[in-house]
Amino acid sequence: MGKHREHIAKTISYYRKSLGIKQSDLAKKLNVAPSSISAWENGSNAPDIETLDNSLGKGSNIFFTSSFMFPPP
């Protein structure tokens, strides 16, 4: 797994858990399959920019706006 993909995986997992939601809940909010969230969190895949853009366009109060700029605590 590349350094960027690892960062994305850790960030998604950290912030999802800090929000107290399940992978299936996040999947519903982003209109993707729960298996996509799992793949993002284990680093076997990463979200595409359209998915992130669509989630922000829906006003989904999810963490994507700035969380990828900073490592999870």
Protein backbone atom coordinates (compact mmCIF):
# COMPACT_ATOMS: atom_id res chain seq x y z
CA MET A 1 0.00 0.00 0.00
CA GLY A 2 1.32 3.42 -0.95
CA LYS A 3 1.90 6.15 1.59
CA HIS A 4 -1.04 8.27 0.36
CA ARG A 5 -3.44 5.34 0.29
CA GLU A 6 -2.37 4.36 3.82
CA HIS A 7 -3.01 7.92 5.00
CA ILE A 8 -6.47 7.91 3.40
CA ALA A 9 -7.28 4.52 4.94
CA LYS A 10 -6.26 5.58 8.44
CA THR A 11 -8.03 8.92 8.13
CA ILE A 12 -11.35 7.48 6.99
CA SER A 13 -11.28 4.82 9.69
CA TYR A 14 -10.30 7.24 12.45
CA TYR A 15 -12.91 9.87 11.66
CA ARG A 16 -15.69 7.35 11.02
CA LYS A 17 -15.04 5.79 14.41
CA SER A 18 -14.77 9.19 16.10
CA LEU A 19 -18.23 10.00 14.72
CA GLY A 20 -19.47 6.73 16.22
CA ILE A 21 -20.92 5.39 12.99
CA LYS A 22 -20.66 1.99 11.33
CA GLN A 23 -19.20 1.40 7.90
CA SER A 24 -22.72 0.72 6.62
CA ASP A 25 -23.93 4.08 7.97
CA LEU A 26 -21.11 5.95 6.25
CA ALA A 27 -21.80 4.01 3.06
CA LYS A 28 -25.42 5.14 3.09
CA LYS A 29 -24.41 8.78 3.63
CA LEU A 30 -22.00 8.61 0.70
CA ASN A 31 -24.27 6.47 -1.47
CA VAL A 32 -21.68 3.72 -1.92
CA ALA A 33 -21.61 0.02 -1.04
CA PRO A 34 -20.48 -0.91 2.48
CA SER A 35 -17.75 -2.98 0.84
CA SER A 36 -16.34 0.27 -0.59
CA ILE A 37 -15.90 1.72 2.90
CA SER A 38 -14.19 -1.48 4.01
CA ALA A 39 -11.86 -1.37 1.00
CA TRP A 40 -11.03 2.28 1.68
CA GLU A 41 -10.26 1.57 5.33
CA ASN A 42 -8.05 -1.45 4.65
CA GLY A 43 -6.22 0.38 1.88
CA SER A 44 -7.11 -1.99 -0.95
CA ASN A 45 -8.92 0.86 -2.71
CA ALA A 46 -9.41 4.61 -2.25
CA PRO A 47 -12.41 6.87 -2.83
CA ASP A 48 -12.44 8.74 -6.10
CA ILE A 49 -12.70 12.49 -6.17
CA GLU A 50 -16.25 12.35 -7.60
CA THR A 51 -17.45 10.36 -4.59
CA LEU A 52 -15.96 12.90 -2.22
CA ASP A 53 -17.29 15.81 -4.26
CA ASN A 54 -20.79 14.32 -4.36
CA SER A 55 -20.80 13.76 -0.60
CA LEU A 56 -19.85 17.38 0.03
CA GLY A 57 -22.40 18.63 -2.47
CA LYS A 58 -25.14 16.88 -0.52
CA GLY A 59 -24.14 18.77 2.62
CA SER A 60 -23.51 15.50 4.38
CA ASN A 61 -21.59 16.88 7.35
CA ILE A 62 -18.92 14.24 6.84
CA PHE A 63 -15.29 14.77 7.62
CA PHE A 64 -13.86 14.96 4.10
CA THR A 65 -13.52 18.73 3.83
CA SER A 66 -10.17 19.08 5.57
CA SER A 67 -9.37 15.79 7.26
CA PHE A 68 -7.18 14.52 4.43
CA MET A 69 -4.77 17.41 4.91
CA PHE A 70 -3.87 16.29 8.40
CA PRO A 71 -2.97 12.88 9.83
CA PRO A 72 -5.41 11.40 12.30
CA PRO A 73 -4.38 12.08 15.90
